[in-house]
PDB file of N, CA and C in Angstrom:
ATOM      1  N   MET A   1      67.095 120.648 106.546  1.00  0.00           N
ATOM      2  CA  MET A   1      68.289 121.387 106.996  1.00  0.00           C
ATOM      3  C   MET A   1      69.237 121.589 105.815  1.00  0.00           C
ATOM      4  N   MET A   2      69.789 122.767 105.723  1.00  0.00           N
ATOM      5  CA  MET A   2      70.698 123.073 104.624  1.00  0.00           C
ATOM      6  C   MET A   2      72.032 122.363 104.817  1.00  0.00           C
ATOM      7  N   SER A   3      72.588 121.874 103.728  1.00  0.00           N
ATOM      8  CA  SER A   3      73.856 121.151 103.805  1.00  0.00           C
ATOM      9  C   SER A   3      75.025 122.080 104.100  1.00  0.00           C
ATOM     10  N   THR A   4      74.795 123.394 103.965  1.00  0.00           N
ATOM     11  CA  THR A   4      75.885 124.349 104.170  1.00  0.00           C
ATOM     12  C   THR A   4      76.040 124.738 105.627  1.00  0.00           C
ATOM     13  N   LEU A   5      75.138 124.274 106.481  1.00  0.00           N
ATOM     14  CA  LEU A   5      75.224 124.641 107.886  1.00  0.00           C
ATOM     15  C   LEU A   5      76.401 123.939 108.550  1.00  0.00           C
ATOM     16  N   ILE A   6      77.058 124.655 109.429  1.00  0.00           N
ATOM     17  CA  ILE A   6      78.230 124.124 110.120  1.00  0.00           C
ATOM     18  C   ILE A   6      77.964 124.159 111.618  1.00  0.00           C
ATOM     19  N   GLN A   7      78.174 123.035 112.289  1.00  0.00           N
ATOM     20  CA  GLN A   7      77.932 122.968 113.727  1.00  0.00           C
ATOM     21  C   GLN A   7      79.152 123.487 114.475  1.00  0.00           C
ATOM     22  N   THR A   8      78.963 124.549 115.244  1.00  0.00           N
ATOM     23  CA  THR A   8      80.046 125.086 116.063  1.00  0.00           C
ATOM     24  C   THR A   8      79.820 124.643 117.503  1.00  0.00           C
ATOM     25  N   ASP A   9      80.617 125.158 118.418  1.00  0.00           N
ATOM     26  CA  ASP A   9      80.511 124.752 119.814  1.00  0.00           C
ATOM     27  C   ASP A   9      79.150 125.084 120.408  1.00  0.00           C
ATOM     28  N   ARG A  10      78.567 126.213 120.013  1.00  0.00           N
ATOM     29  CA  ARG A  10      77.361 126.682 120.680  1.00  0.00           C
ATOM     30  C   ARG A  10      76.171 126.838 119.751  1.00  0.00           C
ATOM     31  N   PHE A  11      76.422 127.009 118.460  1.00  0.00           N
ATOM     32  CA  PHE A  11      75.309 127.236 117.549  1.00  0.00           C
ATOM     33  C   PHE A  11      75.715 126.880 116.129  1.00  0.00           C
ATOM     34  N   THR A  12      74.722 126.815 115.245  1.00  0.00           N
ATOM     35  CA  THR A  12      74.970 126.425 113.868  1.00  0.00           C
ATOM     36  C   THR A  12      74.898 127.645 112.972  1.00  0.00           C
ATOM     37  N   LEU A  13      75.906 127.812 112.143  1.00  0.00           N
ATOM     38  CA  LEU A  13      75.957 128.940 111.223  1.00  0.00           C
ATOM     39  C   LEU A  13      76.102 128.431 109.796  1.00  0.00           C
ATOM     40  N   SER A  14      75.587 129.201 108.872  1.00  0.00           N
ATOM     41  CA  SER A  14      75.833 128.868 107.478  1.00  0.00           C
ATOM     42  C   SER A  14      77.277 129.226 107.153  1.00  0.00           C
ATOM     43  N   GLU A  15      77.795 128.701 106.067  1.00  0.00           N
ATOM     44  CA  GLU A  15      79.191 128.967 105.705  1.00  0.00           C
ATOM     45  C   GLU A  15      79.435 130.460 105.521  1.00  0.00           C
ATOM     46  N   THR A  16      78.471 131.154 104.924  1.00  0.00           N
ATOM     47  CA  THR A  16      78.617 132.594 104.700  1.00  0.00           C
ATOM     48  C   THR A  16      78.665 133.337 106.018  1.00  0.00           C
ATOM     49  N   GLU A  17      77.758 132.982 106.932  1.00  0.00           N
ATOM     50  CA  GLU A  17      77.722 133.646 108.237  1.00  0.00           C
ATOM     51  C   GLU A  17      79.004 133.378 109.012  1.00  0.00           C
ATOM     52  N   ARG A  18      79.478 132.139 108.964  1.00  0.00           N
ATOM     53  CA  ARG A  18      80.695 131.785 109.687  1.00  0.00           C
ATOM     54  C   ARG A  18      81.886 132.571 109.140  1.00  0.00           C
ATOM     55  N   SER A  19      81.970 132.667 107.827  1.00  0.00           N
ATOM     56  CA  SER A  19      83.075 133.404 107.219  1.00  0.00           C
ATOM     57  C   SER A  19      83.034 134.870 107.608  1.00  0.00           C
ATOM     58  N   ALA A  20      81.830 135.452 107.620  1.00  0.00           N
ATOM     59  CA  ALA A  20      81.685 136.862 107.976  1.00  0.00           C
ATOM     60  C   ALA A  20      82.097 137.092 109.423  1.00  0.00           C
ATOM     61  N   ILE A  21      81.671 136.207 110.316  1.00  0.00           N
ATOM     62  CA  ILE A  21      81.998 136.348 111.734  1.00  0.00           C
ATOM     63  C   ILE A  21      83.499 136.169 111.956  1.00  0.00           C
ATOM     64  N   GLU A  22      84.091 135.167 111.295  1.00  0.00           N
ATOM     65  CA  GLU A  22      85.526 134.959 111.456  1.00  0.00           C
ATOM     66  C   GLU A  22      86.293 136.178 110.951  1.00  0.00           C
ATOM     67  N   HIS A  23      85.809 136.783 109.870  1.00  0.00           N
ATOM     68  CA  HIS A  23      86.458 137.984 109.341  1.00  0.00           C
ATOM     69  C   HIS A  23      86.375 139.110 110.360  1.00  0.00           C
ATOM     70  N   GLU A  24      85.207 139.301 110.961  1.00  0.00           N
ATOM     71  CA  GLU A  24      85.029 140.357 111.961  1.00  0.00           C
ATOM     72  C   GLU A  24      85.895 140.093 113.188  1.00  0.00           C
ATOM     73  N   MET A  25      86.014 138.833 113.586  1.00  0.00           N
ATOM     74  CA  MET A  25      86.767 138.495 114.791  1.00  0.00           C
ATOM     75  C   MET A  25      88.251 138.825 114.644  1.00  0.00           C
ATOM     76  N   HIS A  26      88.734 138.964 113.417  1.00  0.00           N
ATOM     77  CA  HIS A  26      90.135 139.328 113.233  1.00  0.00           C
ATOM     78  C   HIS A  26      90.421 140.728 113.763  1.00  0.00           C
ATOM     79  N   HIS A  27      89.354 141.512 113.982  1.00  0.00           N
ATOM     80  CA  HIS A  27      89.524 142.876 114.482  1.00  0.00           C
ATOM     81  C   HIS A  27      89.643 142.910 116.008  1.00  0.00           C
ATOM     82  N   TYR A  28      89.438 141.756 116.643  1.00  0.00           N
ATOM     83  CA  TYR A  28      89.431 141.720 118.105  1.00  0.00           C
ATOM     84  C   TYR A  28      90.415 140.674 118.610  1.00  0.00           C
ATOM     85  N   GLU A  29      90.859 140.841 119.854  1.00  0.00           N
ATOM     86  CA  GLU A  29      91.716 139.825 120.457  1.00  0.00           C
ATOM     87  C   GLU A  29      90.855 138.638 120.861  1.00  0.00           C
ATOM     88  N   ASP A  30      91.398 137.447 120.719  1.00  0.00           N
ATOM     89  CA  ASP A  30      90.665 136.242 121.084  1.00  0.00           C
ATOM     90  C   ASP A  30      90.724 136.070 122.602  1.00  0.00           C
ATOM     91  N   PRO A  31      89.585 136.137 123.290  1.00  0.00           N
ATOM     92  CA  PRO A  31      89.577 136.019 124.756  1.00  0.00           C
ATOM     93  C   PRO A  31      90.037 134.648 125.242  1.00  0.00           C
ATOM     94  N   ARG A  32      90.068 133.657 124.319  1.00  0.00           N
ATOM     95  CA  ARG A  32      90.486 132.311 124.703  1.00  0.00           C
ATOM     96  C   ARG A  32      91.994 132.149 124.623  1.00  0.00           C
ATOM     97  N   ALA A  33      92.664 133.122 124.000  1.00  0.00           N
ATOM     98  CA  ALA A  33      94.113 133.006 123.782  1.00  0.00           C
ATOM     99  C   ALA A  33      94.877 133.083 125.104  1.00  0.00           C
TER     100      ALA A  33
END
């Protein structure tokens, strides 16, 4: 397993993938808010 993987609530993403998704999510309202 890669050391760069990050465990989230539902799935594991690499740091790059997580950063990309978080960047994209800034374009949308957070449904949890």
